[in-house]
Amino acid sequence: MKENMKKYNGEELNELYDILKYIGALCDNDLFVEKASVYKGDVVVDGDLTADFFEGDVDFALIDGNLIVNGDINPDEETFPNLLILGNLSGNNLQNGEELVAISGNLNIKNVIYATYNSGGLKVDGKTTAQFLINHDHWLIMPNVEVAYKILPYNDEQMDDTIQYNMLKSDFIEKLHPNYLIDGDDIDMPHLIQDIKEGKEIFK
């Protein structure tokens, strides 16, 4: 067990932290927590942040400080616990799937934020920075976004969220290198995401 980590049940966690103040907008203020891990102070992960980092059978993790990842965050679409960070989150790349992630500070990602699946959500109270933000039917709450490419790869209309996307499906497919297209307009997303991570040019 990590020295700065303690485990709590849901009732104990709610006595210590008002978690719905931060994550409630992603779950209609209704979130059941059975087992939680709480990390006090800044947490540094050398390498990728995977599900194995969260020791034991927990469904909620809280970082009471900054989370600094010297690698990728959830690179393999694993099942993560819901995550609340009372501070900033930084890393090379972030993949957000079925889990809820709320960040009270800033989200600083070097390359790509890939948000996928309609059952999860990502909320950032501070500033979000990255080169790419790719949203595949995901709920995002980000009032302050500084991202060069804000992409909806499967939508030709803006989503009803806080982001004004600057590249919708038709425009994106037209500019995308044909190596990433399958049968004309289907996108090989794993290939695309991997090449963005490696700094390769994805446009024609």
N, C-alpha and C. Protein backbone atom coordinates (compact mmCIF):
# COMPACT_ATOMS: atom_id res chain seq x y z
N MET A 1 0.84 -1.20 0.00
CA MET A 1 0.00 0.00 0.00
C MET A 1 0.88 1.25 0.00
N LYS A 2 0.55 2.21 -0.81
CA LYS A 2 1.33 3.44 -0.88
C LYS A 2 1.18 4.21 0.43
N GLU A 3 2.27 4.81 0.88
CA GLU A 3 2.30 5.44 2.20
C GLU A 3 1.28 6.56 2.36
N ASN A 4 1.02 7.29 1.27
CA ASN A 4 0.11 8.44 1.37
C ASN A 4 -1.32 8.09 0.99
N MET A 5 -1.63 6.79 0.91
CA MET A 5 -2.96 6.36 0.49
C MET A 5 -3.69 5.66 1.63
N LYS A 6 -4.97 6.00 1.80
CA LYS A 6 -5.83 5.31 2.74
C LYS A 6 -7.13 4.93 2.04
N LYS A 7 -7.74 3.86 2.51
CA LYS A 7 -8.99 3.39 1.92
C LYS A 7 -10.17 3.68 2.84
N TYR A 8 -11.30 4.00 2.21
CA TYR A 8 -12.51 4.34 2.95
C TYR A 8 -13.70 3.70 2.25
N ASN A 9 -14.77 3.51 3.01
CA ASN A 9 -16.03 3.17 2.36
C ASN A 9 -16.71 4.46 1.92
N GLY A 10 -17.83 4.33 1.20
CA GLY A 10 -18.48 5.51 0.66
C GLY A 10 -18.94 6.50 1.72
N GLU A 11 -19.47 6.00 2.83
CA GLU A 11 -19.95 6.89 3.89
C GLU A 11 -18.80 7.66 4.52
N GLU A 12 -17.69 6.99 4.76
CA GLU A 12 -16.52 7.67 5.33
C GLU A 12 -15.97 8.72 4.37
N LEU A 13 -15.94 8.39 3.08
CA LEU A 13 -15.44 9.34 2.08
C LEU A 13 -16.29 10.60 2.06
N ASN A 14 -17.60 10.46 2.09
CA ASN A 14 -18.49 11.62 2.04
C ASN A 14 -18.40 12.47 3.29
N GLU A 15 -17.96 11.90 4.41
CA GLU A 15 -17.75 12.69 5.61
C GLU A 15 -16.50 13.55 5.50
N LEU A 16 -15.54 13.08 4.70
CA LEU A 16 -14.27 13.80 4.55
C LEU A 16 -14.30 14.82 3.41
N TYR A 17 -15.00 14.49 2.32
CA TYR A 17 -14.97 15.33 1.12
C TYR A 17 -16.38 15.47 0.54
N ASP A 18 -16.67 16.67 0.05
CA ASP A 18 -17.93 16.91 -0.67
C ASP A 18 -17.69 16.57 -2.13
N ILE A 19 -17.68 15.28 -2.46
CA ILE A 19 -17.26 14.88 -3.81
C ILE A 19 -18.25 15.34 -4.88
N LEU A 20 -19.53 15.42 -4.55
CA LEU A 20 -20.52 15.83 -5.55
C LEU A 20 -20.35 17.29 -5.95
N LYS A 21 -19.71 18.09 -5.10
CA LYS A 21 -19.42 19.48 -5.47
C LYS A 21 -18.57 19.53 -6.73
N TYR A 22 -17.73 18.53 -6.92
CA TYR A 22 -16.81 18.51 -8.05
C TYR A 22 -17.28 17.60 -9.19
N ILE A 23 -17.85 16.45 -8.85
CA ILE A 23 -18.16 15.45 -9.87
C ILE A 23 -19.65 15.33 -10.14
N GLY A 24 -20.47 16.03 -9.35
CA GLY A 24 -21.91 15.87 -9.44
C GLY A 24 -22.50 16.21 -10.80
N ALA A 25 -21.90 17.17 -11.51
CA ALA A 25 -22.42 17.56 -12.83
C ALA A 25 -22.30 16.44 -13.85
N LEU A 26 -21.45 15.47 -13.59
CA LEU A 26 -21.27 14.35 -14.52
C LEU A 26 -22.20 13.18 -14.22
N CYS A 27 -22.87 13.23 -13.06
CA CYS A 27 -23.67 12.06 -12.65
C CYS A 27 -25.02 12.46 -12.08
N ASP A 28 -25.50 13.66 -12.44
CA ASP A 28 -26.79 14.15 -11.94
C ASP A 28 -26.83 14.13 -10.42
N ASN A 29 -25.69 14.42 -9.79
CA ASN A 29 -25.56 14.47 -8.33
C ASN A 29 -26.01 13.18 -7.66
N ASP A 30 -25.77 12.07 -8.33
CA ASP A 30 -26.15 10.77 -7.78
C ASP A 30 -25.04 9.77 -8.11
N LEU A 31 -24.16 9.53 -7.14
CA LEU A 31 -23.03 8.63 -7.36
C LEU A 31 -22.85 7.74 -6.15
N PHE A 32 -22.94 6.45 -6.37
CA PHE A 32 -22.73 5.48 -5.29
C PHE A 32 -21.26 5.08 -5.26
N VAL A 33 -20.64 5.19 -4.08
CA VAL A 33 -19.26 4.77 -3.88
C VAL A 33 -19.24 3.67 -2.84
N GLU A 34 -18.67 2.53 -3.22
CA GLU A 34 -18.56 1.42 -2.27
C GLU A 34 -17.20 1.42 -1.57
N LYS A 35 -16.12 1.47 -2.37
CA LYS A 35 -14.77 1.47 -1.82
C LYS A 35 -13.96 2.56 -2.52
N ALA A 36 -13.23 3.33 -1.72
CA ALA A 36 -12.47 4.44 -2.28
C ALA A 36 -11.04 4.44 -1.76
N SER A 37 -10.14 4.90 -2.62
CA SER A 37 -8.75 5.17 -2.23
C SER A 37 -8.53 6.68 -2.25
N VAL A 38 -7.94 7.22 -1.18
CA VAL A 38 -7.64 8.64 -1.10
C VAL A 38 -6.14 8.81 -0.95
N TYR A 39 -5.57 9.63 -1.84
CA TYR A 39 -4.13 9.90 -1.84
C TYR A 39 -3.93 11.35 -1.40
N LYS A 40 -3.21 11.54 -0.30
CA LYS A 40 -2.97 12.87 0.24
C LYS A 40 -1.66 13.42 -0.30
N GLY A 41 -1.73 14.63 -0.86
CA GLY A 41 -0.55 15.25 -1.42
C GLY A 41 -0.36 14.91 -2.89
N ASP A 42 0.64 15.52 -3.51
CA ASP A 42 0.91 15.29 -4.92
C ASP A 42 1.31 13.84 -5.17
N VAL A 43 0.88 13.32 -6.31
CA VAL A 43 1.20 11.95 -6.71
C VAL A 43 1.93 12.01 -8.05
N VAL A 44 3.08 11.36 -8.11
CA VAL A 44 3.87 11.30 -9.35
C VAL A 44 3.93 9.85 -9.81
N VAL A 45 3.55 9.62 -11.06
CA VAL A 45 3.59 8.28 -11.65
C VAL A 45 4.67 8.27 -12.72
N ASP A 46 5.69 7.43 -12.52
CA ASP A 46 6.76 7.29 -13.51
C ASP A 46 6.38 6.21 -14.50
N GLY A 47 5.93 6.64 -15.67
CA GLY A 47 5.40 5.71 -16.67
C GLY A 47 3.92 5.93 -16.85
N ASP A 48 3.26 4.98 -17.50
CA ASP A 48 1.83 5.11 -17.78
C ASP A 48 1.00 4.90 -16.51
N LEU A 49 -0.11 5.64 -16.43
CA LEU A 49 -1.09 5.43 -15.36
C LEU A 49 -2.11 4.42 -15.86
N THR A 50 -2.06 3.21 -15.30
CA THR A 50 -2.97 2.14 -15.69
C THR A 50 -3.85 1.78 -14.49
N ALA A 51 -4.79 0.89 -14.73
CA ALA A 51 -5.70 0.48 -13.67
C ALA A 51 -4.95 -0.19 -12.51
N ASP A 52 -3.80 -0.77 -12.77
CA ASP A 52 -3.04 -1.45 -11.73
C ASP A 52 -2.55 -0.49 -10.64
N PHE A 53 -2.47 0.80 -10.97
CA PHE A 53 -2.01 1.78 -9.98
C PHE A 53 -2.95 1.83 -8.78
N PHE A 54 -4.25 1.68 -9.03
CA PHE A 54 -5.24 1.80 -7.97
C PHE A 54 -5.39 0.45 -7.29
N GLU A 55 -4.68 0.31 -6.20
CA GLU A 55 -4.56 -0.99 -5.53
C GLU A 55 -5.91 -1.45 -4.98
N GLY A 56 -6.21 -2.72 -5.19
CA GLY A 56 -7.41 -3.30 -4.62
C GLY A 56 -8.67 -3.02 -5.43
N ASP A 57 -9.75 -3.51 -4.93
CA ASP A 57 -11.04 -3.43 -5.62
C ASP A 57 -11.76 -2.14 -5.20
N VAL A 58 -11.36 -1.02 -5.81
CA VAL A 58 -11.98 0.27 -5.49
C VAL A 58 -12.75 0.77 -6.70
N ASP A 59 -13.83 1.50 -6.44
CA ASP A 59 -14.61 2.08 -7.54
C ASP A 59 -14.51 3.60 -7.58
N PHE A 60 -13.69 4.18 -6.67
CA PHE A 60 -13.51 5.63 -6.66
C PHE A 60 -12.11 5.92 -6.12
N ALA A 61 -11.43 6.87 -6.76
CA ALA A 61 -10.11 7.31 -6.29
C ALA A 61 -10.09 8.83 -6.22
N LEU A 62 -9.51 9.34 -5.16
CA LEU A 62 -9.41 10.79 -4.96
C LEU A 62 -7.96 11.15 -4.71
N ILE A 63 -7.47 12.10 -5.49
CA ILE A 63 -6.12 12.65 -5.30
C ILE A 63 -6.28 14.02 -4.68
N ASP A 64 -5.87 14.17 -3.44
CA ASP A 64 -5.95 15.47 -2.76
C ASP A 64 -4.62 16.19 -2.99
N GLY A 65 -4.43 16.62 -4.23
CA GLY A 65 -3.19 17.24 -4.67
C GLY A 65 -3.10 17.12 -6.18
N ASN A 66 -1.92 17.34 -6.72
CA ASN A 66 -1.71 17.23 -8.17
C ASN A 66 -1.37 15.79 -8.54
N LEU A 67 -1.80 15.39 -9.74
CA LEU A 67 -1.44 14.09 -10.28
C LEU A 67 -0.56 14.32 -11.51
N ILE A 68 0.69 13.91 -11.41
CA ILE A 68 1.68 14.13 -12.47
C ILE A 68 2.06 12.78 -13.04
N VAL A 69 1.72 12.56 -14.32
CA VAL A 69 1.96 11.28 -14.96
C VAL A 69 3.05 11.45 -16.02
N ASN A 70 4.17 10.79 -15.83
CA ASN A 70 5.26 10.84 -16.80
C ASN A 70 5.08 9.74 -17.84
N GLY A 71 3.96 9.82 -18.52
CA GLY A 71 3.57 8.82 -19.50
C GLY A 71 2.14 9.08 -19.92
N ASP A 72 1.43 8.03 -20.33
CA ASP A 72 0.05 8.14 -20.79
C ASP A 72 -0.92 7.82 -19.66
N ILE A 73 -2.11 8.39 -19.73
CA ILE A 73 -3.16 8.16 -18.75
C ILE A 73 -4.21 7.25 -19.39
N ASN A 74 -4.36 6.05 -18.84
CA ASN A 74 -5.29 5.04 -19.34
C ASN A 74 -5.06 4.75 -20.83
N PRO A 75 -3.89 4.24 -21.20
CA PRO A 75 -3.58 4.07 -22.62
C PRO A 75 -4.32 2.92 -23.30
N ASP A 76 -4.87 1.99 -22.52
CA ASP A 76 -5.44 0.79 -23.11
C ASP A 76 -6.94 0.66 -22.89
N GLU A 77 -7.62 1.78 -22.61
CA GLU A 77 -9.07 1.76 -22.40
C GLU A 77 -9.47 0.76 -21.30
N GLU A 78 -8.68 0.71 -20.25
CA GLU A 78 -9.00 -0.17 -19.14
C GLU A 78 -10.17 0.38 -18.33
N THR A 79 -10.71 -0.46 -17.46
CA THR A 79 -11.76 0.00 -16.56
C THR A 79 -11.11 0.64 -15.35
N PHE A 80 -11.23 1.95 -15.28
CA PHE A 80 -10.68 2.73 -14.18
C PHE A 80 -11.76 2.97 -13.13
N PRO A 81 -11.36 3.20 -11.89
CA PRO A 81 -12.34 3.75 -10.95
C PRO A 81 -12.68 5.18 -11.35
N ASN A 82 -13.83 5.67 -10.92
CA ASN A 82 -14.11 7.09 -11.08
C ASN A 82 -13.05 7.87 -10.32
N LEU A 83 -12.67 9.02 -10.86
CA LEU A 83 -11.48 9.71 -10.37
C LEU A 83 -11.76 11.19 -10.13
N LEU A 84 -11.40 11.67 -8.95
CA LEU A 84 -11.50 13.08 -8.60
C LEU A 84 -10.12 13.57 -8.21
N ILE A 85 -9.67 14.63 -8.87
CA ILE A 85 -8.35 15.21 -8.59
C ILE A 85 -8.57 16.63 -8.07
N LEU A 86 -8.20 16.87 -6.82
CA LEU A 86 -8.29 18.20 -6.22
C LEU A 86 -6.97 18.92 -6.45
N GLY A 87 -6.73 19.26 -7.70
CA GLY A 87 -5.47 19.85 -8.14
C GLY A 87 -5.40 19.76 -9.63
N ASN A 88 -4.19 19.67 -10.17
CA ASN A 88 -3.97 19.61 -11.61
C ASN A 88 -3.63 18.18 -12.03
N LEU A 89 -3.94 17.88 -13.29
CA LEU A 89 -3.56 16.60 -13.89
C LEU A 89 -2.72 16.88 -15.12
N SER A 90 -1.56 16.22 -15.22
CA SER A 90 -0.70 16.39 -16.39
C SER A 90 -0.19 15.04 -16.85
N GLY A 91 0.04 14.94 -18.17
CA GLY A 91 0.55 13.71 -18.75
C GLY A 91 0.77 13.88 -20.24
N ASN A 92 1.23 12.83 -20.89
CA ASN A 92 1.50 12.90 -22.33
C ASN A 92 0.22 12.79 -23.15
N ASN A 93 -0.62 11.81 -22.82
CA ASN A 93 -1.87 11.56 -23.53
C ASN A 93 -2.91 11.07 -22.53
N LEU A 94 -4.17 11.37 -22.81
CA LEU A 94 -5.26 10.95 -21.92
C LEU A 94 -6.35 10.28 -22.73
N GLN A 95 -6.75 9.09 -22.30
CA GLN A 95 -7.89 8.41 -22.88
C GLN A 95 -8.95 8.25 -21.79
N ASN A 96 -10.13 8.81 -22.03
CA ASN A 96 -11.22 8.77 -21.04
C ASN A 96 -12.38 7.98 -21.63
N GLY A 97 -12.74 6.89 -20.97
CA GLY A 97 -13.80 6.02 -21.47
C GLY A 97 -15.00 6.00 -20.56
N GLU A 98 -15.27 4.87 -19.91
CA GLU A 98 -16.49 4.69 -19.15
C GLU A 98 -16.44 5.37 -17.78
N GLU A 99 -15.25 5.74 -17.31
CA GLU A 99 -15.13 6.32 -15.99
C GLU A 99 -15.46 7.82 -16.00
N LEU A 100 -15.86 8.32 -14.82
CA LEU A 100 -16.04 9.75 -14.61
C LEU A 100 -14.74 10.32 -14.06
N VAL A 101 -14.28 11.42 -14.64
CA VAL A 101 -13.06 12.08 -14.18
C VAL A 101 -13.36 13.55 -13.98
N ALA A 102 -13.11 14.04 -12.76
CA ALA A 102 -13.31 15.46 -12.45
C ALA A 102 -12.00 16.03 -11.92
N ILE A 103 -11.64 17.21 -12.43
CA ILE A 103 -10.38 17.86 -12.07
C ILE A 103 -10.69 19.27 -11.62
N SER A 104 -10.33 19.61 -10.37
CA SER A 104 -10.65 20.94 -9.85
C SER A 104 -9.72 22.01 -10.39
N GLY A 105 -8.54 21.60 -10.85
CA GLY A 105 -7.55 22.53 -11.39
C GLY A 105 -7.47 22.46 -12.89
N ASN A 106 -6.23 22.40 -13.41
CA ASN A 106 -5.99 22.39 -14.85
C ASN A 106 -5.69 20.98 -15.36
N LEU A 107 -5.99 20.77 -16.64
CA LEU A 107 -5.62 19.54 -17.33
C LEU A 107 -4.60 19.90 -18.40
N ASN A 108 -3.38 19.40 -18.24
CA ASN A 108 -2.30 19.72 -19.17
C ASN A 108 -1.81 18.44 -19.83
N ILE A 109 -2.17 18.27 -21.11
CA ILE A 109 -1.82 17.08 -21.86
C ILE A 109 -0.93 17.49 -23.04
N LYS A 110 0.15 16.76 -23.23
CA LYS A 110 1.13 17.12 -24.25
C LYS A 110 0.58 16.94 -25.66
N ASN A 111 -0.08 15.80 -25.93
CA ASN A 111 -0.48 15.48 -27.30
C ASN A 111 -1.99 15.43 -27.49
N VAL A 112 -2.63 14.34 -27.05
CA VAL A 112 -4.03 14.11 -27.41
C VAL A 112 -4.87 13.72 -26.21
N ILE A 113 -6.07 14.29 -26.15
CA ILE A 113 -7.14 13.85 -25.25
C ILE A 113 -8.15 13.14 -26.14
N TYR A 114 -8.35 11.85 -25.88
CA TYR A 114 -9.31 11.07 -26.64
C TYR A 114 -10.43 10.65 -25.70
N ALA A 115 -11.62 11.20 -25.94
CA ALA A 115 -12.79 10.94 -25.09
C ALA A 115 -13.76 10.08 -25.87
N THR A 116 -14.05 8.90 -25.33
CA THR A 116 -14.87 7.95 -26.07
C THR A 116 -15.84 7.22 -25.14
N TYR A 117 -16.96 6.80 -25.67
CA TYR A 117 -18.08 6.14 -24.99
C TYR A 117 -19.00 7.19 -24.34
N ASN A 118 -20.29 6.88 -24.39
CA ASN A 118 -21.27 7.83 -23.88
C ASN A 118 -21.65 7.59 -22.43
N SER A 119 -20.97 6.65 -21.75
CA SER A 119 -21.32 6.38 -20.36
C SER A 119 -20.38 7.04 -19.36
N GLY A 120 -19.31 7.65 -19.83
CA GLY A 120 -18.37 8.32 -18.94
C GLY A 120 -18.45 9.83 -19.11
N GLY A 121 -17.50 10.53 -18.51
CA GLY A 121 -17.48 11.98 -18.63
C GLY A 121 -16.20 12.56 -18.08
N LEU A 122 -15.88 13.75 -18.54
CA LEU A 122 -14.65 14.45 -18.13
C LEU A 122 -15.00 15.90 -17.84
N LYS A 123 -14.66 16.36 -16.63
CA LYS A 123 -14.95 17.73 -16.21
C LYS A 123 -13.67 18.37 -15.71
N VAL A 124 -13.35 19.56 -16.24
CA VAL A 124 -12.15 20.29 -15.85
C VAL A 124 -12.58 21.70 -15.44
N ASP A 125 -12.37 22.05 -14.19
CA ASP A 125 -12.78 23.36 -13.72
C ASP A 125 -11.81 24.46 -14.15
N GLY A 126 -10.55 24.11 -14.35
CA GLY A 126 -9.54 25.09 -14.77
C GLY A 126 -9.36 25.09 -16.27
N LYS A 127 -8.13 25.24 -16.71
CA LYS A 127 -7.81 25.33 -18.14
C LYS A 127 -7.38 23.96 -18.67
N THR A 128 -7.81 23.67 -19.89
CA THR A 128 -7.43 22.43 -20.57
C THR A 128 -6.51 22.77 -21.74
N THR A 129 -5.33 22.14 -21.76
CA THR A 129 -4.40 22.36 -22.86
C THR A 129 -3.98 21.01 -23.46
N ALA A 130 -3.86 20.99 -24.78
CA ALA A 130 -3.42 19.81 -25.53
C ALA A 130 -3.25 20.23 -26.98
N GLN A 131 -2.70 19.36 -27.80
CA GLN A 131 -2.65 19.60 -29.24
C GLN A 131 -3.96 19.16 -29.90
N PHE A 132 -4.49 18.01 -29.47
CA PHE A 132 -5.71 17.45 -30.05
C PHE A 132 -6.70 17.12 -28.95
N LEU A 133 -7.96 17.41 -29.22
CA LEU A 133 -9.08 16.93 -28.41
C LEU A 133 -10.04 16.23 -29.37
N ILE A 134 -10.16 14.92 -29.24
CA ILE A 134 -11.02 14.13 -30.13
C ILE A 134 -12.15 13.55 -29.28
N ASN A 135 -13.37 13.93 -29.61
CA ASN A 135 -14.53 13.54 -28.82
C ASN A 135 -15.43 12.61 -29.62
N HIS A 136 -15.55 11.38 -29.15
CA HIS A 136 -16.44 10.39 -29.77
C HIS A 136 -17.60 10.13 -28.82
N ASP A 137 -18.63 10.97 -28.91
CA ASP A 137 -19.88 10.76 -28.18
C ASP A 137 -19.65 10.72 -26.67
N HIS A 138 -18.95 11.72 -26.14
CA HIS A 138 -18.57 11.74 -24.73
C HIS A 138 -18.99 13.06 -24.10
N TRP A 139 -19.34 13.01 -22.81
CA TRP A 139 -19.77 14.22 -22.12
C TRP A 139 -18.56 14.94 -21.55
N LEU A 140 -18.33 16.16 -22.03
CA LEU A 140 -17.20 16.97 -21.58
C LEU A 140 -17.70 18.29 -21.01
N ILE A 141 -17.14 18.68 -19.88
CA ILE A 141 -17.40 20.00 -19.28
C ILE A 141 -16.05 20.67 -19.12
N MET A 142 -15.75 21.58 -20.03
CA MET A 142 -14.45 22.25 -20.06
C MET A 142 -14.67 23.72 -20.46
N PRO A 143 -14.77 24.61 -19.51
CA PRO A 143 -15.08 26.00 -19.85
C PRO A 143 -13.92 26.78 -20.46
N ASN A 144 -12.70 26.29 -20.30
CA ASN A 144 -11.53 27.04 -20.77
C ASN A 144 -10.59 26.08 -21.49
N VAL A 145 -10.73 26.04 -22.83
CA VAL A 145 -10.00 25.06 -23.63
C VAL A 145 -9.02 25.77 -24.56
N GLU A 146 -7.74 25.41 -24.43
CA GLU A 146 -6.70 25.91 -25.33
C GLU A 146 -6.10 24.72 -26.07
N VAL A 147 -6.78 24.32 -27.13
CA VAL A 147 -6.41 23.14 -27.91
C VAL A 147 -6.44 23.52 -29.38
N ALA A 148 -5.42 23.13 -30.12
CA ALA A 148 -5.34 23.52 -31.54
C ALA A 148 -6.43 22.85 -32.36
N TYR A 149 -6.62 21.55 -32.18
CA TYR A 149 -7.60 20.79 -32.98
C TYR A 149 -8.65 20.20 -32.05
N LYS A 150 -9.85 20.74 -32.12
CA LYS A 150 -10.99 20.26 -31.34
C LYS A 150 -11.93 19.55 -32.31
N ILE A 151 -11.95 18.21 -32.26
CA ILE A 151 -12.49 17.41 -33.36
C ILE A 151 -13.67 16.56 -32.90
N LEU A 152 -14.74 16.58 -33.71
CA LEU A 152 -15.85 15.64 -33.59
C LEU A 152 -15.78 14.71 -34.81
N PRO A 153 -15.13 13.56 -34.72
CA PRO A 153 -14.88 12.74 -35.91
C PRO A 153 -16.11 12.04 -36.47
N TYR A 154 -17.20 11.97 -35.69
CA TYR A 154 -18.38 11.25 -36.14
C TYR A 154 -19.64 12.12 -36.15
N ASN A 155 -19.47 13.42 -36.01
CA ASN A 155 -20.62 14.33 -35.98
C ASN A 155 -20.41 15.46 -36.97
N ASP A 156 -21.50 15.84 -37.66
CA ASP A 156 -21.45 17.01 -38.54
C ASP A 156 -22.18 18.20 -37.92
N GLU A 157 -22.55 18.08 -36.65
CA GLU A 157 -23.13 19.19 -35.91
C GLU A 157 -22.42 19.31 -34.57
N GLN A 158 -22.39 20.52 -34.03
CA GLN A 158 -21.79 20.74 -32.72
C GLN A 158 -22.54 19.95 -31.65
N MET A 159 -21.82 19.48 -30.65
CA MET A 159 -22.46 18.81 -29.53
C MET A 159 -22.98 19.83 -28.53
N ASP A 160 -23.92 19.40 -27.71
CA ASP A 160 -24.51 20.27 -26.69
C ASP A 160 -23.65 20.20 -25.43
N ASP A 161 -22.41 20.68 -25.55
CA ASP A 161 -21.55 20.74 -24.37
C ASP A 161 -20.88 22.11 -24.34
N THR A 162 -19.80 22.25 -23.59
CA THR A 162 -19.21 23.57 -23.37
C THR A 162 -18.15 23.93 -24.40
N ILE A 163 -17.94 23.08 -25.41
CA ILE A 163 -16.82 23.27 -26.33
C ILE A 163 -17.32 23.64 -27.72
N GLN A 164 -16.65 24.58 -28.34
CA GLN A 164 -16.91 24.92 -29.74
C GLN A 164 -15.85 24.19 -30.57
N TYR A 165 -16.27 23.12 -31.24
CA TYR A 165 -15.33 22.30 -32.00
C TYR A 165 -15.00 23.00 -33.33
N ASN A 166 -13.73 22.92 -33.72
CA ASN A 166 -13.31 23.60 -34.95
C ASN A 166 -13.11 22.64 -36.12
N MET A 167 -13.44 21.35 -35.92
CA MET A 167 -13.35 20.40 -37.01
C MET A 167 -14.42 19.32 -36.81
N LEU A 168 -15.43 19.33 -37.69
CA LEU A 168 -16.49 18.34 -37.64
C LEU A 168 -16.19 17.21 -38.63
N LYS A 169 -17.04 16.21 -38.67
CA LYS A 169 -16.76 14.97 -39.39
C LYS A 169 -16.34 15.21 -40.84
N SER A 170 -17.15 15.92 -41.63
CA SER A 170 -16.88 16.06 -43.06
C SER A 170 -15.55 16.76 -43.30
N ASP A 171 -15.30 17.82 -42.57
CA ASP A 171 -14.07 18.57 -42.72
C ASP A 171 -12.86 17.75 -42.27
N PHE A 172 -13.04 17.02 -41.18
CA PHE A 172 -11.96 16.19 -40.65
C PHE A 172 -11.57 15.10 -41.64
N ILE A 173 -12.55 14.39 -42.18
CA ILE A 173 -12.27 13.30 -43.11
C ILE A 173 -11.65 13.85 -44.41
N GLU A 174 -12.09 15.01 -44.83
CA GLU A 174 -11.52 15.61 -46.04
C GLU A 174 -10.04 15.93 -45.86
N LYS A 175 -9.65 16.38 -44.65
CA LYS A 175 -8.26 16.78 -44.41
C LYS A 175 -7.38 15.64 -43.94
N LEU A 176 -7.99 14.55 -43.45
CA LEU A 176 -7.24 13.45 -42.88
C LEU A 176 -6.50 12.67 -43.97
N HIS A 177 -5.31 12.20 -43.63
CA HIS A 177 -4.56 11.38 -44.58
C HIS A 177 -5.33 10.08 -44.84
N PRO A 178 -5.42 9.66 -46.10
CA PRO A 178 -6.22 8.46 -46.44
C PRO A 178 -5.75 7.18 -45.76
N ASN A 179 -4.52 7.16 -45.24
CA ASN A 179 -4.04 5.97 -44.54
C ASN A 179 -4.91 5.62 -43.33
N TYR A 180 -5.64 6.62 -42.80
CA TYR A 180 -6.45 6.40 -41.60
C TYR A 180 -7.91 6.10 -41.91
N LEU A 181 -8.25 6.01 -43.19
CA LEU A 181 -9.63 5.79 -43.57
C LEU A 181 -9.86 4.36 -44.05
N ILE A 182 -11.00 3.80 -43.63
CA ILE A 182 -11.40 2.45 -44.02
C ILE A 182 -12.73 2.57 -44.77
N ASP A 183 -12.78 2.06 -45.98
CA ASP A 183 -14.00 2.10 -46.80
C ASP A 183 -14.52 3.52 -46.98
N GLY A 184 -13.63 4.45 -47.15
CA GLY A 184 -14.01 5.81 -47.52
C GLY A 184 -14.15 6.77 -46.37
N ASP A 185 -15.01 6.45 -45.38
CA ASP A 185 -15.24 7.44 -44.33
C ASP A 185 -15.23 6.85 -42.92
N ASP A 186 -14.83 5.60 -42.77
CA ASP A 186 -14.68 5.01 -41.44
C ASP A 186 -13.24 5.22 -41.00
N ILE A 187 -13.05 5.64 -39.76
CA ILE A 187 -11.72 6.04 -39.29
C ILE A 187 -11.08 4.91 -38.49
N ASP A 188 -9.85 4.60 -38.82
CA ASP A 188 -9.06 3.65 -38.04
C ASP A 188 -8.52 4.40 -36.81
N MET A 189 -9.36 4.51 -35.79
CA MET A 189 -9.03 5.36 -34.65
C MET A 189 -7.81 4.90 -33.86
N PRO A 190 -7.62 3.60 -33.58
CA PRO A 190 -6.40 3.20 -32.86
C PRO A 190 -5.12 3.61 -33.58
N HIS A 191 -5.12 3.44 -34.91
CA HIS A 191 -3.96 3.84 -35.71
C HIS A 191 -3.75 5.35 -35.63
N LEU A 192 -4.84 6.09 -35.75
CA LEU A 192 -4.77 7.55 -35.71
C LEU A 192 -4.25 8.04 -34.37
N ILE A 193 -4.81 7.53 -33.28
CA ILE A 193 -4.40 7.97 -31.94
C ILE A 193 -2.93 7.64 -31.70
N GLN A 194 -2.50 6.45 -32.11
CA GLN A 194 -1.11 6.05 -31.91
C GLN A 194 -0.16 6.97 -32.66
N ASP A 195 -0.52 7.35 -33.88
CA ASP A 195 0.36 8.24 -34.66
C ASP A 195 0.40 9.65 -34.08
N ILE A 196 -0.71 10.12 -33.53
CA ILE A 196 -0.68 11.42 -32.86
C ILE A 196 0.25 11.37 -31.65
N LYS A 197 0.16 10.28 -30.88
CA LYS A 197 1.05 10.12 -29.73
C LYS A 197 2.51 10.16 -30.14
N GLU A 198 2.81 9.61 -31.32
CA GLU A 198 4.19 9.56 -31.79
C GLU A 198 4.61 10.81 -32.53
N GLY A 199 3.71 11.80 -32.61
CA GLY A 199 4.06 13.07 -33.23
C GLY A 199 4.04 13.06 -34.74
N LYS A 200 3.39 12.08 -35.36
CA LYS A 200 3.35 11.99 -36.81
C LYS A 200 2.31 12.92 -37.39
N GLU A 201 2.49 13.35 -38.62
CA GLU A 201 1.54 14.21 -39.31
C GLU A 201 0.35 13.37 -39.77
N ILE A 202 -0.86 13.78 -39.37
CA ILE A 202 -2.05 12.98 -39.73
C ILE A 202 -2.85 13.58 -40.86
N PHE A 203 -2.53 14.81 -41.24
CA PHE A 203 -3.29 15.46 -42.31
C PHE A 203 -2.56 15.38 -43.65
N LYS A 204 -3.31 15.57 -44.73
CA LYS A 204 -2.73 15.50 -46.08
C LYS A 204 -1.68 16.59 -46.26
